[in-house]
Amino acid sequence: MSGHDRLLIYFALACMWIGGYATGRGRWVHALVNWADWQVVYAHRRTLCFWIAVPIVLAAAAGLWLRRPRRTLANYRAWRARR
């Protein structure tokens, strides 16, 4: 095993560690969106928490629309049909 091969192995291990760390840290996004969703639905509109939560919910909705536009549109149409 040459020095170049060891360098590639170390680089691959570092990439796997960074990817695993980033994936594990992504859980806070779900918690933040859940908090913001609760604030928008149940908090009074005069509270500061409501106005902090509104841009978070809008950003989450925009991200969902960009990631899965057909599914999001189908869910919106089904919601409109139930009303």
PDB file of N, CA and C in Angstrom:
ATOM      1  N   MET A   1       0.848  -1.165   0.000  1.00  0.00           N
ATOM      2  CA  MET A   1       0.000   0.000   0.000  1.00  0.00           C
ATOM      3  C   MET A   1       0.900   1.236   0.000  1.00  0.00           C
ATOM      4  N   SER A   2       0.670   2.082  -0.963  1.00  0.00           N
ATOM      5  CA  SER A   2       1.509   3.272  -1.090  1.00  0.00           C
ATOM      6  C   SER A   2       0.924   4.429  -0.276  1.00  0.00           C
ATOM      7  N   GLY A   3       1.668   5.488  -0.212  1.00  0.00           N
ATOM      8  CA  GLY A   3       1.219   6.675   0.498  1.00  0.00           C
ATOM      9  C   GLY A   3       0.002   7.307  -0.151  1.00  0.00           C
ATOM     10  N   HIS A   4      -0.078   7.207  -1.472  1.00  0.00           N
ATOM     11  CA  HIS A   4      -1.222   7.758  -2.196  1.00  0.00           C
ATOM     12  C   HIS A   4      -2.497   7.000  -1.834  1.00  0.00           C
ATOM     13  N   ASP A   5      -2.405   5.664  -1.722  1.00  0.00           N
ATOM     14  CA  ASP A   5      -3.572   4.862  -1.358  1.00  0.00           C
ATOM     15  C   ASP A   5      -4.042   5.191   0.056  1.00  0.00           C
ATOM     16  N   ARG A   6      -3.106   5.354   0.968  1.00  0.00           N
ATOM     17  CA  ARG A   6      -3.481   5.712   2.338  1.00  0.00           C
ATOM     18  C   ARG A   6      -4.146   7.083   2.393  1.00  0.00           C
ATOM     19  N   LEU A   7      -3.647   8.001   1.596  1.00  0.00           N
ATOM     20  CA  LEU A   7      -4.239   9.325   1.545  1.00  0.00           C
ATOM     21  C   LEU A   7      -5.682   9.256   1.046  1.00  0.00           C
ATOM     22  N   LEU A   8      -5.921   8.425   0.025  1.00  0.00           N
ATOM     23  CA  LEU A   8      -7.288   8.261  -0.486  1.00  0.00           C
ATOM     24  C   LEU A   8      -8.198   7.624   0.562  1.00  0.00           C
ATOM     25  N   ILE A   9      -7.690   6.655   1.301  1.00  0.00           N
ATOM     26  CA  ILE A   9      -8.494   6.018   2.347  1.00  0.00           C
ATOM     27  C   ILE A   9      -8.825   7.021   3.437  1.00  0.00           C
ATOM     28  N   TYR A  10      -7.853   7.806   3.862  1.00  0.00           N
ATOM     29  CA  TYR A  10      -8.104   8.821   4.890  1.00  0.00           C
ATOM     30  C   TYR A  10      -9.101   9.875   4.402  1.00  0.00           C
ATOM     31  N   PHE A  11      -8.982  10.251   3.144  1.00  0.00           N
ATOM     32  CA  PHE A  11      -9.907  11.223   2.571  1.00  0.00           C
ATOM     33  C   PHE A  11     -11.327  10.654   2.533  1.00  0.00           C
ATOM     34  N   ALA A  12     -11.470   9.381   2.132  1.00  0.00           N
ATOM     35  CA  ALA A  12     -12.796   8.748   2.087  1.00  0.00           C
ATOM     36  C   ALA A  12     -13.402   8.656   3.484  1.00  0.00           C
ATOM     37  N   LEU A  13     -12.587   8.297   4.475  1.00  0.00           N
ATOM     38  CA  LEU A  13     -13.082   8.218   5.851  1.00  0.00           C
ATOM     39  C   LEU A  13     -13.507   9.592   6.367  1.00  0.00           C
ATOM     40  N   ALA A  14     -12.751  10.617   6.032  1.00  0.00           N
ATOM     41  CA  ALA A  14     -13.107  11.971   6.450  1.00  0.00           C
ATOM     42  C   ALA A  14     -14.423  12.412   5.804  1.00  0.00           C
ATOM     43  N   CYS A  15     -14.602  12.087   4.530  1.00  0.00           N
ATOM     44  CA  CYS A  15     -15.856  12.439   3.843  1.00  0.00           C
ATOM     45  C   CYS A  15     -17.044  11.708   4.464  1.00  0.00           C
ATOM     46  N   MET A  16     -16.856  10.434   4.799  1.00  0.00           N
ATOM     47  CA  MET A  16     -17.939   9.682   5.435  1.00  0.00           C
ATOM     48  C   MET A  16     -18.271  10.256   6.807  1.00  0.00           C
ATOM     49  N   TRP A  17     -17.251  10.664   7.558  1.00  0.00           N
ATOM     50  CA  TRP A  17     -17.488  11.225   8.882  1.00  0.00           C
ATOM     51  C   TRP A  17     -18.234  12.555   8.776  1.00  0.00           C
ATOM     52  N   ILE A  18     -17.812  13.400   7.851  1.00  0.00           N
ATOM     53  CA  ILE A  18     -18.465  14.704   7.673  1.00  0.00           C
ATOM     54  C   ILE A  18     -19.907  14.516   7.198  1.00  0.00           C
ATOM     55  N   GLY A  19     -20.123  13.588   6.262  1.00  0.00           N
ATOM     56  CA  GLY A  19     -21.481  13.327   5.785  1.00  0.00           C
ATOM     57  C   GLY A  19     -22.387  12.786   6.870  1.00  0.00           C
ATOM     58  N   GLY A  20     -21.886  11.883   7.684  1.00  0.00           N
ATOM     59  CA  GLY A  20     -22.674  11.353   8.792  1.00  0.00           C
ATOM     60  C   GLY A  20     -22.977  12.409   9.836  1.00  0.00           C
ATOM     61  N   TYR A  21     -22.021  13.261  10.110  1.00  0.00           N
ATOM     62  CA  TYR A  21     -22.225  14.349  11.071  1.00  0.00           C
ATOM     63  C   TYR A  21     -23.297  15.316  10.568  1.00  0.00           C
ATOM     64  N   ALA A  22     -23.201  15.665   9.286  1.00  0.00           N
ATOM     65  CA  ALA A  22     -24.174  16.600   8.710  1.00  0.00           C
ATOM     66  C   ALA A  22     -25.571  15.990   8.685  1.00  0.00           C
ATOM     67  N   THR A  23     -25.660  14.706   8.391  1.00  0.00           N
ATOM     68  CA  THR A  23     -26.965  14.048   8.362  1.00  0.00           C
ATOM     69  C   THR A  23     -27.576  13.996   9.756  1.00  0.00           C
ATOM     70  N   GLY A  24     -26.774  13.695  10.737  1.00  0.00           N
ATOM     71  CA  GLY A  24     -27.285  13.659  12.108  1.00  0.00           C
ATOM     72  C   GLY A  24     -27.695  15.015  12.619  1.00  0.00           C
ATOM     73  N   ARG A  25     -27.040  16.057  12.163  1.00  0.00           N
ATOM     74  CA  ARG A  25     -27.363  17.410  12.607  1.00  0.00           C
ATOM     75  C   ARG A  25     -28.585  17.973  11.899  1.00  0.00           C
ATOM     76  N   GLY A  26     -29.073  17.330  10.859  1.00  0.00           N
ATOM     77  CA  GLY A  26     -30.238  17.821  10.136  1.00  0.00           C
ATOM     78  C   GLY A  26     -31.533  17.677  10.897  1.00  0.00           C
ATOM     79  N   ARG A  27     -31.517  16.986  12.021  1.00  0.00           N
ATOM     80  CA  ARG A  27     -32.737  16.762  12.801  1.00  0.00           C
ATOM     81  C   ARG A  27     -33.282  18.041  13.409  1.00  0.00           C
ATOM     82  N   TRP A  28     -32.433  19.004  13.658  1.00  0.00           N
ATOM     83  CA  TRP A  28     -32.899  20.244  14.271  1.00  0.00           C
ATOM     84  C   TRP A  28     -33.815  21.020  13.326  1.00  0.00           C
ATOM     85  N   VAL A  29     -33.666  20.777  12.026  1.00  0.00           N
ATOM     86  CA  VAL A  29     -34.535  21.459  11.057  1.00  0.00           C
ATOM     87  C   VAL A  29     -35.976  20.999  11.253  1.00  0.00           C
ATOM     88  N   HIS A  30     -36.176  19.702  11.429  1.00  0.00           N
ATOM     89  CA  HIS A  30     -37.524  19.181  11.643  1.00  0.00           C
ATOM     90  C   HIS A  30     -38.124  19.726  12.931  1.00  0.00           C
ATOM     91  N   ALA A  31     -37.320  19.789  13.964  1.00  0.00           N
ATOM     92  CA  ALA A  31     -37.815  20.329  15.235  1.00  0.00           C
ATOM     93  C   ALA A  31     -38.181  21.805  15.096  1.00  0.00           C
ATOM     94  N   LEU A  32     -37.386  22.556  14.365  1.00  0.00           N
ATOM     95  CA  LEU A  32     -37.664  23.977  14.160  1.00  0.00           C
ATOM     96  C   LEU A  32     -38.949  24.177  13.363  1.00  0.00           C
ATOM     97  N   VAL A  33     -39.135  23.392  12.314  1.00  0.00           N
ATOM     98  CA  VAL A  33     -40.351  23.520  11.501  1.00  0.00           C
ATOM     99  C   VAL A  33     -41.574  23.093  12.308  1.00  0.00           C
ATOM    100  N   ASN A  34     -41.457  22.041  13.124  1.00  0.00           N
ATOM    101  CA  ASN A  34     -42.582  21.624  13.970  1.00  0.00           C
ATOM    102  C   ASN A  34     -42.947  22.726  14.961  1.00  0.00           C
ATOM    103  N   TRP A  35     -41.935  23.348  15.568  1.00  0.00           N
ATOM    104  CA  TRP A  35     -42.199  24.446  16.491  1.00  0.00           C
ATOM    105  C   TRP A  35     -42.894  25.596  15.775  1.00  0.00           C
ATOM    106  N   ALA A  36     -42.370  25.962  14.614  1.00  0.00           N
ATOM    107  CA  ALA A  36     -42.937  27.088  13.870  1.00  0.00           C
ATOM    108  C   ALA A  36     -44.362  26.786  13.422  1.00  0.00           C
ATOM    109  N   ASP A  37     -44.613  25.553  13.003  1.00  0.00           N
ATOM    110  CA  ASP A  37     -45.960  25.172  12.593  1.00  0.00           C
ATOM    111  C   ASP A  37     -46.935  25.295  13.765  1.00  0.00           C
ATOM    112  N   TRP A  38     -46.514  24.839  14.929  1.00  0.00           N
ATOM    113  CA  TRP A  38     -47.372  24.947  16.108  1.00  0.00           C
ATOM    114  C   TRP A  38     -47.644  26.414  16.444  1.00  0.00           C
ATOM    115  N   GLN A  39     -46.616  27.252  16.356  1.00  0.00           N
ATOM    116  CA  GLN A  39     -46.778  28.671  16.675  1.00  0.00           C
ATOM    117  C   GLN A  39     -47.742  29.352  15.711  1.00  0.00           C
ATOM    118  N   VAL A  40     -47.635  29.015  14.429  1.00  0.00           N
ATOM    119  CA  VAL A  40     -48.510  29.651  13.434  1.00  0.00           C
ATOM    120  C   VAL A  40     -49.959  29.213  13.635  1.00  0.00           C
ATOM    121  N   VAL A  41     -50.158  27.952  14.002  1.00  0.00           N
ATOM    122  CA  VAL A  41     -51.521  27.451  14.149  1.00  0.00           C
ATOM    123  C   VAL A  41     -52.158  27.893  15.467  1.00  0.00           C
ATOM    124  N   TYR A  42     -51.428  27.827  16.571  1.00  0.00           N
ATOM    125  CA  TYR A  42     -52.037  28.023  17.882  1.00  0.00           C
ATOM    126  C   TYR A  42     -51.701  29.334  18.584  1.00  0.00           C
ATOM    127  N   ALA A  43     -50.606  29.970  18.250  1.00  0.00           N
ATOM    128  CA  ALA A  43     -50.230  31.195  18.956  1.00  0.00           C
ATOM    129  C   ALA A  43     -51.054  32.375  18.453  1.00  0.00           C
ATOM    130  N   HIS A  44     -51.236  33.341  19.324  1.00  0.00           N
ATOM    131  CA  HIS A  44     -51.962  34.548  18.949  1.00  0.00           C
ATOM    132  C   HIS A  44     -51.105  35.381  18.003  1.00  0.00           C
ATOM    133  N   ARG A  45     -51.745  36.075  17.095  1.00  0.00           N
ATOM    134  CA  ARG A  45     -50.999  36.821  16.072  1.00  0.00           C
ATOM    135  C   ARG A  45     -50.263  38.033  16.618  1.00  0.00           C
ATOM    136  N   ARG A  46     -50.528  38.412  17.798  1.00  0.00           N
ATOM    137  CA  ARG A  46     -49.834  39.562  18.381  1.00  0.00           C
ATOM    138  C   ARG A  46     -48.551  39.174  19.096  1.00  0.00           C
ATOM    139  N   THR A  47     -48.278  37.885  19.216  1.00  0.00           N
ATOM    140  CA  THR A  47     -47.076  37.460  19.933  1.00  0.00           C
ATOM    141  C   THR A  47     -45.858  37.495  19.007  1.00  0.00           C
ATOM    142  N   LEU A  48     -44.726  37.654  19.618  1.00  0.00           N
ATOM    143  CA  LEU A  48     -43.473  37.680  18.866  1.00  0.00           C
ATOM    144  C   LEU A  48     -43.163  36.317  18.259  1.00  0.00           C
ATOM    145  N   CYS A  49     -43.507  35.244  18.975  1.00  0.00           N
ATOM    146  CA  CYS A  49     -43.237  33.889  18.472  1.00  0.00           C
ATOM    147  C   CYS A  49     -43.969  33.630  17.158  1.00  0.00           C
ATOM    148  N   PHE A  50     -45.181  34.144  17.035  1.00  0.00           N
ATOM    149  CA  PHE A  50     -45.925  33.967  15.793  1.00  0.00           C
ATOM    150  C   PHE A  50     -45.180  34.603  14.626  1.00  0.00           C
ATOM    151  N   TRP A  51     -44.700  35.805  14.804  1.00  0.00           N
ATOM    152  CA  TRP A  51     -44.042  36.515  13.708  1.00  0.00           C
ATOM    153  C   TRP A  51     -42.641  35.990  13.431  1.00  0.00           C
ATOM    154  N   ILE A  52     -42.029  35.347  14.403  1.00  0.00           N
ATOM    155  CA  ILE A  52     -40.760  34.661  14.144  1.00  0.00           C
ATOM    156  C   ILE A  52     -41.013  33.373  13.363  1.00  0.00           C
ATOM    157  N   ALA A  53     -42.131  32.723  13.643  1.00  0.00           N
ATOM    158  CA  ALA A  53     -42.440  31.439  13.018  1.00  0.00           C
ATOM    159  C   ALA A  53     -42.930  31.566  11.582  1.00  0.00           C
ATOM    160  N   VAL A  54     -43.542  32.664  11.228  1.00  0.00           N
ATOM    161  CA  VAL A  54     -44.102  32.816   9.876  1.00  0.00           C
ATOM    162  C   VAL A  54     -43.043  32.668   8.779  1.00  0.00           C
ATOM    163  N   PRO A  55     -41.901  33.355   8.840  1.00  0.00           N
ATOM    164  CA  PRO A  55     -40.909  33.154   7.771  1.00  0.00           C
ATOM    165  C   PRO A  55     -40.337  31.737   7.749  1.00  0.00           C
ATOM    166  N   ILE A  56     -40.272  31.081   8.900  1.00  0.00           N
ATOM    167  CA  ILE A  56     -39.771  29.707   8.930  1.00  0.00           C
ATOM    168  C   ILE A  56     -40.729  28.780   8.197  1.00  0.00           C
ATOM    169  N   VAL A  57     -42.021  28.946   8.447  1.00  0.00           N
ATOM    170  CA  VAL A  57     -43.020  28.118   7.768  1.00  0.00           C
ATOM    171  C   VAL A  57     -43.031  28.420   6.274  1.00  0.00           C
ATOM    172  N   LEU A  58     -42.922  29.675   5.909  1.00  0.00           N
ATOM    173  CA  LEU A  58     -42.890  30.028   4.484  1.00  0.00           C
ATOM    174  C   LEU A  58     -41.658  29.452   3.786  1.00  0.00           C
ATOM    175  N   ALA A  59     -40.514  29.492   4.446  1.00  0.00           N
ATOM    176  CA  ALA A  59     -39.302  28.911   3.867  1.00  0.00           C
ATOM    177  C   ALA A  59     -39.433  27.395   3.741  1.00  0.00           C
ATOM    178  N   ALA A  60     -40.044  26.755   4.734  1.00  0.00           N
ATOM    179  CA  ALA A  60     -40.249  25.300   4.651  1.00  0.00           C
ATOM    180  C   ALA A  60     -41.209  24.952   3.520  1.00  0.00           C
ATOM    181  N   ALA A  61     -42.266  25.737   3.357  1.00  0.00           N
ATOM    182  CA  ALA A  61     -43.208  25.483   2.266  1.00  0.00           C
ATOM    183  C   ALA A  61     -42.545  25.700   0.909  1.00  0.00           C
ATOM    184  N   ALA A  62     -41.721  26.736   0.799  1.00  0.00           N
ATOM    185  CA  ALA A  62     -41.012  26.979  -0.463  1.00  0.00           C
ATOM    186  C   ALA A  62     -40.026  25.852  -0.751  1.00  0.00           C
ATOM    187  N   GLY A  63     -39.336  25.376   0.272  1.00  0.00           N
ATOM    188  CA  GLY A  63     -38.416  24.256   0.078  1.00  0.00           C
ATOM    189  C   GLY A  63     -39.144  23.002  -0.345  1.00  0.00           C
ATOM    190  N   LEU A  64     -40.301  22.751   0.252  1.00  0.00           N
ATOM    191  CA  LEU A  64     -41.093  21.587  -0.138  1.00  0.00           C
ATOM    192  C   LEU A  64     -41.576  21.728  -1.576  1.00  0.00           C
ATOM    193  N   TRP A  65     -42.007  22.919  -1.938  1.00  0.00           N
ATOM    194  CA  TRP A  65     -42.480  23.154  -3.304  1.00  0.00           C
ATOM    195  C   TRP A  65     -41.349  22.944  -4.314  1.00  0.00           C
ATOM    196  N   LEU A  66     -40.146  23.372  -3.985  1.00  0.00           N
ATOM    197  CA  LEU A  66     -39.013  23.211  -4.901  1.00  0.00           C
ATOM    198  C   LEU A  66     -38.540  21.763  -4.986  1.00  0.00           C
ATOM    199  N   ARG A  67     -38.616  21.036  -3.875  1.00  0.00           N
ATOM    200  CA  ARG A  67     -38.148  19.646  -3.869  1.00  0.00           C
ATOM    201  C   ARG A  67     -39.126  18.703  -4.537  1.00  0.00           C
ATOM    202  N   ARG A  68     -40.413  18.864  -4.277  1.00  0.00           N
ATOM    203  CA  ARG A  68     -41.423  17.938  -4.787  1.00  0.00           C
ATOM    204  C   ARG A  68     -42.634  18.715  -5.304  1.00  0.00           C
ATOM    205  N   PRO A  69     -42.513  19.338  -6.459  1.00  0.00           N
ATOM    206  CA  PRO A  69     -43.610  20.208  -6.923  1.00  0.00           C
ATOM    207  C   PRO A  69     -44.893  19.452  -7.258  1.00  0.00           C
ATOM    208  N   ARG A  70     -44.799  18.273  -7.847  1.00  0.00           N
ATOM    209  CA  ARG A  70     -46.029  17.555  -8.215  1.00  0.00           C
ATOM    210  C   ARG A  70     -46.773  17.056  -6.996  1.00  0.00           C
ATOM    211  N   ARG A  71     -46.046  16.501  -6.037  1.00  0.00           N
ATOM    212  CA  ARG A  71     -46.699  15.999  -4.829  1.00  0.00           C
ATOM    213  C   ARG A  71     -47.305  17.146  -4.042  1.00  0.00           C
ATOM    214  N   THR A  72     -46.613  18.255  -3.964  1.00  0.00           N
ATOM    215  CA  THR A  72     -47.129  19.406  -3.235  1.00  0.00           C
ATOM    216  C   THR A  72     -48.386  19.943  -3.897  1.00  0.00           C
ATOM    217  N   LEU A  73     -48.400  20.024  -5.199  1.00  0.00           N
ATOM    218  CA  LEU A  73     -49.580  20.503  -5.912  1.00  0.00           C
ATOM    219  C   LEU A  73     -50.750  19.540  -5.741  1.00  0.00           C
ATOM    220  N   ALA A  74     -50.490  18.234  -5.773  1.00  0.00           N
ATOM    221  CA  ALA A  74     -51.556  17.249  -5.567  1.00  0.00           C
ATOM    222  C   ALA A  74     -52.125  17.359  -4.153  1.00  0.00           C
ATOM    223  N   ASN A  75     -51.261  17.552  -3.161  1.00  0.00           N
ATOM    224  CA  ASN A  75     -51.745  17.719  -1.790  1.00  0.00           C
ATOM    225  C   ASN A  75     -52.572  18.985  -1.642  1.00  0.00           C
ATOM    226  N   TYR A  76     -52.151  20.049  -2.301  1.00  0.00           N
ATOM    227  CA  TYR A  76     -52.906  21.310  -2.241  1.00  0.00           C
ATOM    228  C   TYR A  76     -54.282  21.145  -2.893  1.00  0.00           C
ATOM    229  N   ARG A  77     -54.332  20.483  -4.029  1.00  0.00           N
ATOM    230  CA  ARG A  77     -55.619  20.269  -4.703  1.00  0.00           C
ATOM    231  C   ARG A  77     -56.537  19.385  -3.872  1.00  0.00           C
ATOM    232  N   ALA A  78     -55.993  18.360  -3.239  1.00  0.00           N
ATOM    233  CA  ALA A  78     -56.811  17.500  -2.388  1.00  0.00           C
ATOM    234  C   ALA A  78     -57.338  18.268  -1.184  1.00  0.00           C
ATOM    235  N   TRP A  79     -56.517  19.141  -0.626  1.00  0.00           N
ATOM    236  CA  TRP A  79     -56.954  19.964   0.497  1.00  0.00           C
ATOM    237  C   TRP A  79     -58.071  20.900   0.083  1.00  0.00           C
ATOM    238  N   ARG A  80     -57.942  21.485  -1.101  1.00  0.00           N
ATOM    239  CA  ARG A  80     -58.990  22.396  -1.603  1.00  0.00           C
ATOM    240  C   ARG A  80     -60.285  21.645  -1.856  1.00  0.00           C
ATOM    241  N   ALA A  81     -60.188  20.399  -2.348  1.00  0.00           N
ATOM    242  CA  ALA A  81     -61.379  19.605  -2.631  1.00  0.00           C
ATOM    243  C   ALA A  81     -62.118  19.227  -1.334  1.00  0.00           C
ATOM    244  N   ARG A  82     -61.378  19.012  -0.252  1.00  0.00           N
ATOM    245  CA  ARG A  82     -62.008  18.668   1.028  1.00  0.00           C
ATOM    246  C   ARG A  82     -62.722  19.847   1.654  1.00  0.00           C
ATOM    247  N   ARG A  83     -62.324  21.040   1.320  1.00  0.00           N
ATOM    248  CA  ARG A  83     -62.946  22.239   1.907  1.00  0.00           C
ATOM    249  C   ARG A  83     -64.252  22.456   1.269  1.00  0.00           C
TER     250      ARG A  83
END
